[in-house]
Amino acid sequence: MHCRITDMHNKEVINLSDGTRLGCVDDVEIDTCTAQLVAIVVHGRPKCFGLFGREEDIVIGWRNISVIGEDTILVNFECPYKPHHKRKGRGILTDIFCCR
């Protein structure tokens, strides 16, 4: 399968080890001596809605990429941060606006 760099841009990256969505491909690293793709770069998550910048970018080496699909890239990667978990239970807005 041939793929252009523009095709890689904005593909969703999923970590196979825990199912975490790491983000979308923002950039790639290429070895200019061998003309080979070395790594993909995923933007770090925004801090406090982006008001405090972003976390560090995630650089995933070629050896950690398992599958490149049409829309997603599956990787085996030790995630540098824990995924956010949704709160369990009901919130006040759920109690007000939702049927029981």
N, C-alpha and C. Protein backbone atom coordinates (compact mmCIF):
# COMPACT_ATOMS: atom_id res chain seq x y z
N MET A 1 0.85 -1.18 0.00
CA MET A 1 0.00 0.00 0.00
C MET A 1 0.89 1.24 0.00
N HIS A 2 0.61 2.16 -0.88
CA HIS A 2 1.31 3.43 -0.90
C HIS A 2 0.46 4.48 -0.22
N CYS A 3 1.13 5.39 0.48
CA CYS A 3 0.41 6.42 1.22
C CYS A 3 1.23 7.70 1.15
N ARG A 4 0.58 8.80 0.87
CA ARG A 4 1.25 10.10 0.85
C ARG A 4 1.26 10.69 2.25
N ILE A 5 2.17 11.62 2.47
CA ILE A 5 2.22 12.28 3.77
C ILE A 5 0.91 13.02 4.04
N THR A 6 0.33 13.61 3.02
CA THR A 6 -0.94 14.31 3.21
C THR A 6 -2.06 13.33 3.60
N ASP A 7 -1.94 12.07 3.16
CA ASP A 7 -2.92 11.06 3.57
C ASP A 7 -2.75 10.68 5.04
N MET A 8 -1.53 10.74 5.53
CA MET A 8 -1.26 10.40 6.93
C MET A 8 -1.79 11.48 7.87
N HIS A 9 -1.77 12.72 7.40
CA HIS A 9 -2.19 13.85 8.23
C HIS A 9 -3.64 13.67 8.66
N ASN A 10 -3.89 13.85 9.93
CA ASN A 10 -5.21 13.77 10.55
C ASN A 10 -5.78 12.37 10.67
N LYS A 11 -4.98 11.31 10.43
CA LYS A 11 -5.46 9.96 10.74
C LYS A 11 -5.45 9.80 12.25
N GLU A 12 -6.47 9.15 12.77
CA GLU A 12 -6.57 8.93 14.20
C GLU A 12 -5.61 7.82 14.63
N VAL A 13 -4.93 8.02 15.76
CA VAL A 13 -3.97 7.04 16.27
C VAL A 13 -4.54 6.39 17.52
N ILE A 14 -4.64 5.05 17.49
CA ILE A 14 -5.19 4.27 18.60
C ILE A 14 -4.10 3.36 19.15
N ASN A 15 -3.98 3.33 20.48
CA ASN A 15 -3.00 2.48 21.14
C ASN A 15 -3.62 1.10 21.37
N LEU A 16 -3.04 0.06 20.79
CA LEU A 16 -3.57 -1.29 20.92
C LEU A 16 -3.45 -1.85 22.33
N SER A 17 -2.47 -1.40 23.10
CA SER A 17 -2.25 -1.97 24.42
C SER A 17 -3.38 -1.67 25.39
N ASP A 18 -4.01 -0.50 25.28
CA ASP A 18 -5.10 -0.17 26.20
C ASP A 18 -6.31 0.48 25.52
N GLY A 19 -6.29 0.60 24.20
CA GLY A 19 -7.43 1.16 23.47
C GLY A 19 -7.53 2.67 23.53
N THR A 20 -6.52 3.33 24.04
CA THR A 20 -6.54 4.79 24.19
C THR A 20 -6.43 5.47 22.83
N ARG A 21 -7.25 6.51 22.65
CA ARG A 21 -7.13 7.36 21.47
C ARG A 21 -6.05 8.38 21.79
N LEU A 22 -4.93 8.32 21.08
CA LEU A 22 -3.82 9.22 21.36
C LEU A 22 -3.97 10.57 20.69
N GLY A 23 -4.74 10.63 19.62
CA GLY A 23 -4.93 11.87 18.88
C GLY A 23 -4.79 11.62 17.40
N CYS A 24 -4.55 12.67 16.65
CA CYS A 24 -4.40 12.57 15.20
C CYS A 24 -2.97 12.89 14.79
N VAL A 25 -2.54 12.28 13.70
CA VAL A 25 -1.19 12.54 13.18
C VAL A 25 -1.11 14.00 12.75
N ASP A 26 -0.11 14.69 13.26
CA ASP A 26 0.07 16.08 12.90
C ASP A 26 1.31 16.27 12.03
N ASP A 27 2.29 15.39 12.20
CA ASP A 27 3.55 15.54 11.47
C ASP A 27 4.20 14.18 11.36
N VAL A 28 5.21 14.08 10.52
CA VAL A 28 6.00 12.85 10.38
C VAL A 28 7.48 13.21 10.43
N GLU A 29 8.29 12.25 10.85
CA GLU A 29 9.74 12.43 10.82
C GLU A 29 10.30 11.51 9.76
N ILE A 30 11.16 12.05 8.90
CA ILE A 30 11.75 11.29 7.80
C ILE A 30 13.26 11.36 7.91
N ASP A 31 13.92 10.21 7.76
CA ASP A 31 15.38 10.17 7.71
C ASP A 31 15.78 10.60 6.30
N THR A 32 16.43 11.75 6.19
CA THR A 32 16.76 12.29 4.87
C THR A 32 17.88 11.52 4.17
N CYS A 33 18.67 10.77 4.94
CA CYS A 33 19.73 9.97 4.31
C CYS A 33 19.18 8.72 3.63
N THR A 34 18.20 8.08 4.28
CA THR A 34 17.64 6.84 3.72
C THR A 34 16.29 7.05 3.06
N ALA A 35 15.72 8.24 3.20
CA ALA A 35 14.40 8.57 2.66
C ALA A 35 13.32 7.64 3.19
N GLN A 36 13.42 7.28 4.49
CA GLN A 36 12.43 6.42 5.12
C GLN A 36 11.71 7.15 6.24
N LEU A 37 10.45 6.78 6.42
CA LEU A 37 9.66 7.32 7.52
C LEU A 37 10.19 6.74 8.83
N VAL A 38 10.53 7.60 9.76
CA VAL A 38 11.11 7.19 11.03
C VAL A 38 10.06 7.17 12.14
N ALA A 39 9.17 8.16 12.15
CA ALA A 39 8.19 8.28 13.23
C ALA A 39 7.02 9.15 12.78
N ILE A 40 5.90 8.99 13.51
CA ILE A 40 4.77 9.90 13.35
C ILE A 40 4.68 10.74 14.62
N VAL A 41 4.17 11.94 14.49
CA VAL A 41 4.06 12.86 15.62
C VAL A 41 2.59 13.19 15.83
N VAL A 42 2.15 13.02 17.08
CA VAL A 42 0.78 13.34 17.48
C VAL A 42 0.86 14.52 18.43
N HIS A 43 0.04 15.55 18.19
CA HIS A 43 0.01 16.70 19.10
C HIS A 43 -0.35 16.25 20.50
N GLY A 44 0.26 16.88 21.49
CA GLY A 44 -0.12 16.63 22.88
C GLY A 44 -1.51 17.16 23.15
N ARG A 45 -2.14 16.62 24.18
CA ARG A 45 -3.50 17.05 24.53
C ARG A 45 -3.48 18.48 25.07
N PRO A 46 -4.55 19.24 24.82
CA PRO A 46 -4.62 20.60 25.36
C PRO A 46 -4.77 20.58 26.88
N LYS A 47 -4.15 21.56 27.53
CA LYS A 47 -4.28 21.70 28.98
C LYS A 47 -5.35 22.74 29.26
N CYS A 48 -6.32 22.40 30.04
CA CYS A 48 -7.39 23.31 30.46
C CYS A 48 -7.97 24.05 29.25
N PHE A 49 -8.54 23.27 28.33
CA PHE A 49 -9.19 23.80 27.12
C PHE A 49 -8.23 24.59 26.24
N GLY A 50 -6.94 24.32 26.34
CA GLY A 50 -5.95 25.00 25.51
C GLY A 50 -5.47 26.33 26.08
N LEU A 51 -6.03 26.74 27.21
CA LEU A 51 -5.63 28.02 27.80
C LEU A 51 -4.20 27.98 28.34
N PHE A 52 -3.74 26.79 28.75
CA PHE A 52 -2.40 26.64 29.31
C PHE A 52 -1.49 25.86 28.38
N GLY A 53 -1.76 25.96 27.09
CA GLY A 53 -0.90 25.28 26.11
C GLY A 53 -1.27 23.81 25.95
N ARG A 54 -0.28 23.03 25.56
CA ARG A 54 -0.49 21.61 25.31
C ARG A 54 0.54 20.80 26.07
N GLU A 55 0.21 19.51 26.24
CA GLU A 55 1.19 18.58 26.76
C GLU A 55 2.23 18.33 25.67
N GLU A 56 3.29 17.63 26.01
CA GLU A 56 4.34 17.32 25.04
C GLU A 56 3.77 16.52 23.87
N ASP A 57 4.31 16.77 22.67
CA ASP A 57 3.92 15.97 21.51
C ASP A 57 4.36 14.53 21.73
N ILE A 58 3.61 13.61 21.14
CA ILE A 58 3.93 12.19 21.24
C ILE A 58 4.60 11.77 19.94
N VAL A 59 5.81 11.26 20.05
CA VAL A 59 6.56 10.79 18.88
C VAL A 59 6.55 9.26 18.92
N ILE A 60 5.95 8.65 17.91
CA ILE A 60 5.81 7.20 17.86
C ILE A 60 6.70 6.66 16.76
N GLY A 61 7.68 5.87 17.14
CA GLY A 61 8.64 5.32 16.18
C GLY A 61 8.00 4.32 15.23
N TRP A 62 8.62 4.15 14.07
CA TRP A 62 8.10 3.26 13.03
C TRP A 62 7.92 1.84 13.55
N ARG A 63 8.82 1.37 14.40
CA ARG A 63 8.73 0.00 14.90
C ARG A 63 7.51 -0.22 15.80
N ASN A 64 6.93 0.86 16.32
CA ASN A 64 5.75 0.76 17.18
C ASN A 64 4.44 0.83 16.41
N ILE A 65 4.50 1.08 15.12
CA ILE A 65 3.28 1.15 14.30
C ILE A 65 2.92 -0.25 13.84
N SER A 66 1.69 -0.69 14.18
CA SER A 66 1.25 -2.04 13.82
C SER A 66 0.53 -2.06 12.48
N VAL A 67 -0.47 -1.18 12.33
CA VAL A 67 -1.31 -1.17 11.12
C VAL A 67 -1.61 0.27 10.73
N ILE A 68 -1.51 0.55 9.44
CA ILE A 68 -1.95 1.84 8.91
C ILE A 68 -3.18 1.55 8.06
N GLY A 69 -4.33 1.99 8.54
CA GLY A 69 -5.58 1.76 7.82
C GLY A 69 -6.02 3.01 7.08
N GLU A 70 -7.23 2.95 6.54
CA GLU A 70 -7.78 4.09 5.78
C GLU A 70 -7.97 5.31 6.66
N ASP A 71 -8.51 5.10 7.87
CA ASP A 71 -8.84 6.22 8.76
C ASP A 71 -8.02 6.26 10.04
N THR A 72 -7.46 5.12 10.42
CA THR A 72 -6.77 5.04 11.70
C THR A 72 -5.41 4.37 11.57
N ILE A 73 -4.57 4.63 12.56
CA ILE A 73 -3.28 3.99 12.68
C ILE A 73 -3.25 3.31 14.05
N LEU A 74 -2.99 2.01 14.05
CA LEU A 74 -2.92 1.25 15.30
C LEU A 74 -1.46 1.10 15.70
N VAL A 75 -1.18 1.41 16.97
CA VAL A 75 0.20 1.38 17.46
C VAL A 75 0.28 0.58 18.75
N ASN A 76 1.44 0.02 19.03
CA ASN A 76 1.77 -0.56 20.33
C ASN A 76 2.76 0.39 20.96
N PHE A 77 2.30 1.14 21.94
CA PHE A 77 3.10 2.25 22.45
C PHE A 77 2.83 2.44 23.93
N GLU A 78 3.88 2.68 24.69
CA GLU A 78 3.73 3.00 26.11
C GLU A 78 3.29 4.45 26.22
N CYS A 79 2.03 4.66 26.54
CA CYS A 79 1.46 6.01 26.56
C CYS A 79 2.10 6.84 27.67
N PRO A 80 2.51 8.07 27.37
CA PRO A 80 3.16 8.91 28.38
C PRO A 80 2.19 9.49 29.41
N TYR A 81 0.90 9.36 29.17
CA TYR A 81 -0.08 9.87 30.13
C TYR A 81 -1.27 8.93 30.19
N LYS A 82 -2.01 9.05 31.25
CA LYS A 82 -3.20 8.21 31.44
C LYS A 82 -4.37 8.84 30.70
N PRO A 83 -5.25 8.01 30.13
CA PRO A 83 -6.43 8.56 29.46
C PRO A 83 -7.40 9.13 30.49
N HIS A 84 -8.17 10.12 30.07
CA HIS A 84 -9.20 10.68 30.94
C HIS A 84 -10.36 9.71 31.01
N HIS A 85 -10.87 9.50 32.22
CA HIS A 85 -12.03 8.63 32.38
C HIS A 85 -13.25 9.49 32.66
N LYS A 86 -14.36 9.09 32.08
CA LYS A 86 -15.59 9.83 32.34
C LYS A 86 -16.07 9.50 33.75
N ARG A 87 -16.67 10.49 34.39
CA ARG A 87 -17.20 10.28 35.73
C ARG A 87 -18.37 9.33 35.68
N LYS A 88 -18.43 8.48 36.67
CA LYS A 88 -19.56 7.57 36.78
C LYS A 88 -20.59 8.22 37.67
N GLY A 89 -21.82 7.84 37.49
CA GLY A 89 -22.86 8.40 38.32
C GLY A 89 -23.59 9.51 37.60
N ARG A 90 -24.53 10.08 38.28
CA ARG A 90 -25.37 11.10 37.67
C ARG A 90 -24.96 12.46 38.19
N GLY A 91 -25.00 13.42 37.32
CA GLY A 91 -24.71 14.79 37.71
C GLY A 91 -26.00 15.56 37.89
N ILE A 92 -25.90 16.77 38.35
CA ILE A 92 -27.08 17.58 38.60
C ILE A 92 -27.82 17.91 37.31
N LEU A 93 -27.10 18.15 36.21
CA LEU A 93 -27.77 18.44 34.94
C LEU A 93 -28.50 17.22 34.41
N THR A 94 -27.93 16.04 34.64
CA THR A 94 -28.61 14.82 34.22
C THR A 94 -29.91 14.66 34.98
N ASP A 95 -29.89 14.96 36.27
CA ASP A 95 -31.10 14.84 37.08
C ASP A 95 -32.17 15.83 36.64
N ILE A 96 -31.77 17.02 36.22
CA ILE A 96 -32.74 18.04 35.83
C ILE A 96 -33.33 17.78 34.46
N PHE A 97 -32.49 17.43 33.47
CA PHE A 97 -32.94 17.38 32.09
C PHE A 97 -33.29 15.99 31.56
N CYS A 98 -32.94 14.95 32.25
CA CYS A 98 -33.19 13.61 31.73
C CYS A 98 -34.32 12.93 32.48
N CYS A 99 -35.01 12.08 31.75
CA CYS A 99 -36.09 11.31 32.38
C CYS A 99 -35.49 10.20 33.22
N ARG A 100 -36.26 9.78 34.20
CA ARG A 100 -35.79 8.69 35.07
C ARG A 100 -36.43 7.40 34.68
